[in-house]
Amino acid sequence: MIVQQVLLLAAVGLFAGVMGAILGIGGGMIITPVLTIMMGIDIKYAIGASIIAVIATSSGATIAYIKDDLLNLRVAMFLEIATTVGAISGALLTGVVPHGVLYVFFGLLLLYSSTNMIRKLRGTADERYQPVTPDKWSEKLNLNGSYRDIIAHQNVDYQVRNVPGGFAMMFGAGIASGLLGIGSGAFKVIAMDTIMKMPLKPSSATSNLMMGVTAAASATVYFFNGSIQPQIAAPLAIGILLGATVGTRIMQHLPSRVIRMIFIPILLYMGVQMALKGFGVIH
């Protein structure tokens, strides 16, 4: 029985690692329901394992993305300032701001962002990057970058715009993380892809790095309150590291359009879940 559980946890981690590396989101939305509903594990330990899952996904994917020169380190470190300050602010506001209002707000924000991605899908079948005019902040901070598009067999130079908007989005996502205890991987991708107009692949790769930094900051708290159980987290982490390595290779060969088609249902699901939770329909 113990061997079967270890193998199942490793398999769940493998799948979560692949999806997390491709989409730039944490594996919590995959891991937590599986652990609680399918395996009957207490939600407290499921959340602790989810934190380890995010760190493992980030570690496995970031190594490959750095090697392939796909992520934007300057954008990651700049936006991480907003996320960290937001998370601290959110923790300080606990008990002041009604959680229901925040759940509804961020749920609607995710639904709105999914409609933007749908419009991009309907607008063109060609997902090649369309250059934009960088703003003064991206020029001053040297946030513009380039990456190798394996499918098109060419280097793609891209520009970053609306840096204050992306920073504000990440500050809000940090507040949500601190107040509600939710992952902000989806918000990171939205901030870069939708607001700052970065290509989807560098957005996903950069989000993977940022998620690990954010999760590592909170992992200590979960460790000392006993939420992280090694017998649960260890098999998951092994599967996730393997999955993230595989996912980075798959993502490079997927058209951005396909990644967007996978990402949209996840945004819709997360948005509906958060809105319903805010209205008290689900708990």
Protein backbone atom coordinates (compact mmCIF):
# COMPACT_ATOMS: atom_id res chain seq x y z
CA MET A 1 0.00 0.00 0.00
CA ILE A 2 2.83 2.36 0.89
CA VAL A 3 4.63 1.60 -2.37
CA GLN A 4 1.44 2.24 -4.34
CA GLN A 5 0.95 5.60 -2.61
CA VAL A 6 4.55 6.63 -3.32
CA LEU A 7 4.18 5.69 -7.00
CA LEU A 8 0.86 7.55 -7.24
CA LEU A 9 2.34 10.66 -5.64
CA ALA A 10 5.31 10.53 -8.02
CA ALA A 11 2.94 10.17 -11.01
CA VAL A 12 0.85 13.13 -9.85
CA GLY A 13 4.06 15.13 -9.42
CA LEU A 14 5.24 14.16 -12.90
CA PHE A 15 2.03 15.47 -14.49
CA ALA A 16 2.00 18.63 -12.37
CA GLY A 17 5.65 19.29 -13.21
CA VAL A 18 5.04 18.99 -16.95
CA MET A 19 2.00 21.32 -16.88
CA GLY A 20 3.65 23.78 -14.50
CA ALA A 21 6.77 24.10 -16.66
CA ILE A 22 4.74 24.60 -19.84
CA LEU A 23 2.26 27.13 -18.46
CA GLY A 24 4.36 28.92 -15.84
CA ILE A 25 1.90 28.18 -13.02
CA GLY A 26 2.26 26.31 -9.75
CA GLY A 27 1.06 22.73 -9.53
CA GLY A 28 -1.19 23.49 -6.56
CA MET A 29 -4.40 23.47 -8.54
CA ILE A 30 -3.54 19.97 -9.75
CA ILE A 31 -1.91 18.57 -6.62
CA THR A 32 -4.25 19.88 -3.91
CA PRO A 33 -7.50 18.41 -5.36
CA VAL A 34 -5.81 15.06 -6.08
CA LEU A 35 -4.35 14.78 -2.58
CA THR A 36 -7.53 15.85 -0.78
CA ILE A 37 -10.30 14.33 -2.94
CA MET A 38 -8.69 11.25 -4.47
CA MET A 39 -6.24 10.28 -1.72
CA GLY A 40 -8.04 11.64 1.36
CA ILE A 41 -5.06 13.63 2.65
CA ASP A 42 -5.75 16.50 5.05
CA ILE A 43 -5.94 19.88 3.29
CA LYS A 44 -3.26 21.27 5.62
CA TYR A 45 -0.70 18.73 4.40
CA ALA A 46 -1.90 19.07 0.81
CA ILE A 47 -1.18 22.80 0.87
CA GLY A 48 2.24 22.17 2.43
CA ALA A 49 3.03 19.66 -0.31
CA SER A 50 1.80 22.16 -2.88
CA ILE A 51 4.35 24.73 -1.68
CA ILE A 52 7.14 22.18 -2.13
CA ALA A 53 5.69 21.35 -5.55
CA VAL A 54 5.97 24.98 -6.67
CA ILE A 55 9.60 25.19 -5.54
CA ALA A 56 10.43 21.90 -7.28
CA THR A 57 8.69 22.96 -10.50
CA SER A 58 10.50 26.28 -10.46
CA SER A 59 13.88 24.65 -9.78
CA GLY A 60 13.55 22.03 -12.51
CA ALA A 61 12.19 24.40 -15.13
CA THR A 62 14.36 27.43 -14.38
CA ILE A 63 17.62 25.52 -14.84
CA ALA A 64 16.57 24.48 -18.34
CA TYR A 65 15.12 27.88 -19.26
CA ILE A 66 18.30 29.70 -18.16
CA LYS A 67 20.36 27.29 -20.25
CA ASP A 68 18.10 27.93 -23.25
CA ASP A 69 18.17 31.73 -22.60
CA LEU A 70 14.35 31.81 -22.57
CA LEU A 71 13.54 33.63 -19.33
CA ASN A 72 14.03 37.33 -18.67
CA LEU A 73 15.97 37.71 -15.41
CA ARG A 74 15.61 41.50 -15.26
CA VAL A 75 11.82 41.34 -15.60
CA ALA A 76 11.66 38.53 -13.03
CA MET A 77 13.66 40.39 -10.38
CA PHE A 78 11.85 43.68 -11.01
CA LEU A 79 8.35 42.19 -10.74
CA GLU A 80 9.39 40.08 -7.74
CA ILE A 81 9.83 43.33 -5.80
CA ALA A 82 6.13 44.09 -6.34
CA THR A 83 5.05 40.55 -5.44
CA THR A 84 7.10 40.47 -2.23
CA VAL A 85 5.95 43.90 -1.03
CA GLY A 86 2.39 42.96 -1.93
CA ALA A 87 2.60 39.66 -0.03
CA ILE A 88 3.90 41.43 3.09
CA SER A 89 1.13 44.04 2.77
CA GLY A 90 -1.46 41.29 2.35
CA ALA A 91 -0.26 39.52 5.48
CA LEU A 92 -0.52 42.79 7.44
CA LEU A 93 -4.06 43.39 6.10
CA THR A 94 -5.33 39.99 7.23
CA GLY A 95 -8.57 40.52 9.13
CA VAL A 96 -8.99 44.07 7.76
CA VAL A 97 -10.12 43.43 4.17
CA PRO A 98 -13.07 41.00 3.68
CA HIS A 99 -11.76 37.87 1.94
CA GLY A 100 -15.01 37.43 0.02
CA VAL A 101 -14.57 40.75 -1.77
CA LEU A 102 -11.01 39.86 -2.79
CA TYR A 103 -12.00 36.41 -4.05
CA VAL A 104 -14.71 37.95 -6.25
CA PHE A 105 -12.40 40.70 -7.52
CA PHE A 106 -9.54 38.39 -8.46
CA GLY A 107 -11.95 35.80 -9.85
CA LEU A 108 -13.45 38.39 -12.19
CA LEU A 109 -9.94 39.57 -13.11
CA LEU A 110 -9.00 36.03 -14.16
CA LEU A 111 -12.20 35.69 -16.20
CA TYR A 112 -11.52 39.02 -17.91
CA SER A 113 -7.96 37.96 -18.69
CA SER A 114 -9.20 34.69 -20.19
CA THR A 115 -11.47 36.66 -22.56
CA ASN A 116 -8.42 38.68 -23.66
CA MET A 117 -6.59 35.45 -24.47
CA ILE A 118 -9.62 34.16 -26.36
CA ARG A 119 -9.63 37.34 -28.45
CA LYS A 120 -5.95 36.76 -29.26
CA LEU A 121 -6.79 33.23 -30.42
CA ARG A 122 -9.68 34.40 -32.58
CA GLY A 123 -7.76 37.36 -33.93
CA THR A 124 -5.14 35.39 -35.81
CA ALA A 125 -3.99 31.86 -36.43
CA ASP A 126 -0.42 33.17 -36.62
CA GLU A 127 1.13 33.48 -33.16
CA ARG A 128 4.34 35.13 -34.32
CA TYR A 129 5.41 37.95 -32.05
CA GLN A 130 4.20 41.38 -33.09
CA PRO A 131 6.70 44.09 -32.03
CA VAL A 132 5.43 46.83 -29.70
CA THR A 133 6.79 50.23 -28.76
CA PRO A 134 8.67 49.98 -25.44
CA ASP A 135 7.92 52.55 -22.76
CA LYS A 136 10.52 54.69 -20.99
CA TRP A 137 10.68 52.35 -17.98
CA SER A 138 11.58 49.29 -20.02
CA GLU A 139 14.31 51.30 -21.72
CA LYS A 140 15.70 52.65 -18.43
CA LEU A 141 15.62 49.26 -16.71
CA ASN A 142 16.79 47.38 -19.82
CA LEU A 143 13.84 44.96 -19.67
CA ASN A 144 13.64 44.24 -23.40
CA GLY A 145 15.01 40.85 -24.42
CA SER A 146 15.25 38.09 -27.00
CA TYR A 147 14.80 34.32 -27.18
CA ARG A 148 15.32 31.49 -29.62
CA ASP A 149 12.12 30.30 -31.32
CA ILE A 150 12.84 26.65 -32.11
CA ILE A 151 9.71 26.26 -34.23
CA ALA A 152 10.50 29.26 -36.44
CA HIS A 153 14.28 28.58 -36.31
CA GLN A 154 15.06 32.20 -35.54
CA ASN A 155 15.92 34.59 -32.72
CA VAL A 156 13.02 36.81 -31.65
CA ASP A 157 13.78 40.26 -30.23
CA TYR A 158 10.91 41.58 -28.12
CA GLN A 159 10.06 44.79 -26.32
CA VAL A 160 8.31 45.41 -23.01
CA ARG A 161 5.72 48.11 -22.45
CA ASN A 162 3.32 49.29 -19.72
CA VAL A 163 5.82 48.44 -16.99
CA PRO A 164 3.89 50.34 -14.27
CA GLY A 165 0.74 48.35 -15.16
CA GLY A 166 2.59 45.04 -14.87
CA PHE A 167 4.16 46.15 -11.58
CA ALA A 168 0.74 47.13 -10.18
CA MET A 169 -0.71 43.78 -11.28
CA MET A 170 2.05 41.90 -9.47
CA PHE A 171 1.59 44.02 -6.34
CA GLY A 172 -2.11 43.08 -6.36
CA ALA A 173 -1.24 39.42 -6.92
CA GLY A 174 1.15 39.59 -3.96
CA ILE A 175 -1.60 41.02 -1.76
CA ALA A 176 -3.89 38.16 -2.84
CA SER A 177 -1.18 35.62 -2.02
CA GLY A 178 -0.59 37.12 1.42
CA LEU A 179 -4.27 37.51 2.28
CA LEU A 180 -5.81 34.45 0.67
CA GLY A 181 -2.92 32.00 0.55
CA ILE A 182 -3.29 31.45 -3.20
CA GLY A 183 -0.58 30.95 -5.80
CA SER A 184 -0.02 33.81 -8.22
CA GLY A 185 1.50 31.97 -11.19
CA ALA A 186 -1.46 32.75 -13.44
CA PHE A 187 -1.32 36.43 -12.47
CA LYS A 188 2.41 36.53 -13.28
CA VAL A 189 1.80 35.21 -16.79
CA ILE A 190 -1.09 37.67 -17.29
CA ALA A 191 1.05 40.60 -16.11
CA MET A 192 3.78 39.82 -18.65
CA ASP A 193 1.78 38.45 -21.59
CA THR A 194 -1.37 40.60 -21.49
CA ILE A 195 -0.26 43.82 -19.80
CA MET A 196 3.45 44.11 -20.63
CA LYS A 197 3.07 42.52 -24.11
CA MET A 198 5.92 40.01 -23.73
CA PRO A 199 5.73 36.86 -25.88
CA LEU A 200 3.95 33.97 -24.15
CA LYS A 201 6.95 31.62 -23.97
CA PRO A 202 9.32 34.04 -22.17
CA SER A 203 6.37 35.01 -19.95
CA SER A 204 5.84 31.39 -18.93
CA ALA A 205 9.56 30.75 -18.41
CA THR A 206 10.01 33.92 -16.35
CA SER A 207 6.94 33.08 -14.26
CA ASN A 208 8.50 29.74 -13.33
CA LEU A 209 11.52 31.47 -11.80
CA MET A 210 9.37 33.99 -9.92
CA MET A 211 7.08 31.33 -8.47
CA GLY A 212 9.99 29.57 -6.81
CA VAL A 213 11.23 32.77 -5.17
CA THR A 214 7.75 33.55 -3.83
CA ALA A 215 7.12 29.99 -2.60
CA ALA A 216 10.53 29.71 -0.94
CA ALA A 217 9.71 32.78 1.16
CA SER A 218 6.62 31.11 2.62
CA ALA A 219 7.93 27.53 2.80
CA THR A 220 9.68 28.18 6.12
CA VAL A 221 6.36 29.08 7.76
CA TYR A 222 4.72 25.89 6.49
CA PHE A 223 7.69 23.82 7.62
CA PHE A 224 7.68 25.07 11.21
CA ASN A 225 3.90 24.74 11.61
CA GLY A 226 4.12 21.07 10.60
CA SER A 227 2.26 21.31 7.28
CA ILE A 228 5.07 19.76 5.22
CA GLN A 229 5.14 15.98 5.56
CA PRO A 230 8.27 14.41 3.98
CA GLN A 231 6.48 11.15 3.09
CA ILE A 232 4.06 13.16 0.96
CA ALA A 233 6.29 15.95 -0.32
CA ALA A 234 9.35 13.84 -1.24
CA PRO A 235 7.71 11.53 -3.86
CA LEU A 236 5.86 14.55 -5.29
CA ALA A 237 9.08 16.55 -5.56
CA ILE A 238 10.90 13.73 -7.36
CA GLY A 239 8.07 13.37 -9.88
CA ILE A 240 7.83 17.14 -10.32
CA LEU A 241 11.55 17.60 -10.98
CA LEU A 242 11.37 14.97 -13.72
CA GLY A 243 8.12 16.43 -15.08
CA ALA A 244 9.46 19.98 -15.12
CA THR A 245 12.52 18.85 -17.06
CA VAL A 246 10.30 17.13 -19.61
CA GLY A 247 7.88 20.08 -19.68
CA THR A 248 10.60 22.57 -20.58
CA ARG A 249 11.50 20.49 -23.63
CA ILE A 250 7.85 20.13 -24.68
CA MET A 251 7.13 23.83 -24.27
CA GLN A 252 9.93 24.80 -26.64
CA HIS A 253 8.29 22.77 -29.42
CA LEU A 254 4.69 23.85 -28.78
CA PRO A 255 3.25 26.77 -30.78
CA SER A 256 2.24 29.67 -28.53
CA ARG A 257 -1.31 29.21 -29.81
CA VAL A 258 -1.46 25.69 -28.33
CA ILE A 259 -0.09 26.89 -24.98
CA ARG A 260 -2.75 29.60 -24.94
CA MET A 261 -5.46 27.02 -25.69
CA ILE A 262 -4.31 24.99 -22.66
CA PHE A 263 -4.04 28.08 -20.47
CA ILE A 264 -7.52 29.53 -21.18
CA PRO A 265 -9.58 26.70 -19.59
CA ILE A 266 -7.34 26.87 -16.50
CA LEU A 267 -7.94 30.62 -16.18
CA LEU A 268 -11.70 30.11 -16.61
CA TYR A 269 -11.75 27.35 -14.00
CA MET A 270 -9.72 29.37 -11.49
CA GLY A 271 -11.79 32.51 -12.10
CA VAL A 272 -15.12 30.73 -11.59
CA GLN A 273 -13.84 28.92 -8.48
CA MET A 274 -12.60 32.15 -6.89
CA ALA A 275 -15.79 34.06 -7.72
CA LEU A 276 -18.01 31.30 -6.33
CA LYS A 277 -15.88 31.15 -3.20
CA GLY A 278 -16.22 34.89 -2.79
CA PHE A 279 -20.01 34.66 -3.03
CA GLY A 280 -20.04 31.82 -0.51
CA VAL A 281 -21.35 29.20 -2.96
CA ILE A 282 -18.37 26.92 -2.29
CA HIS A 283 -15.96 26.75 0.65
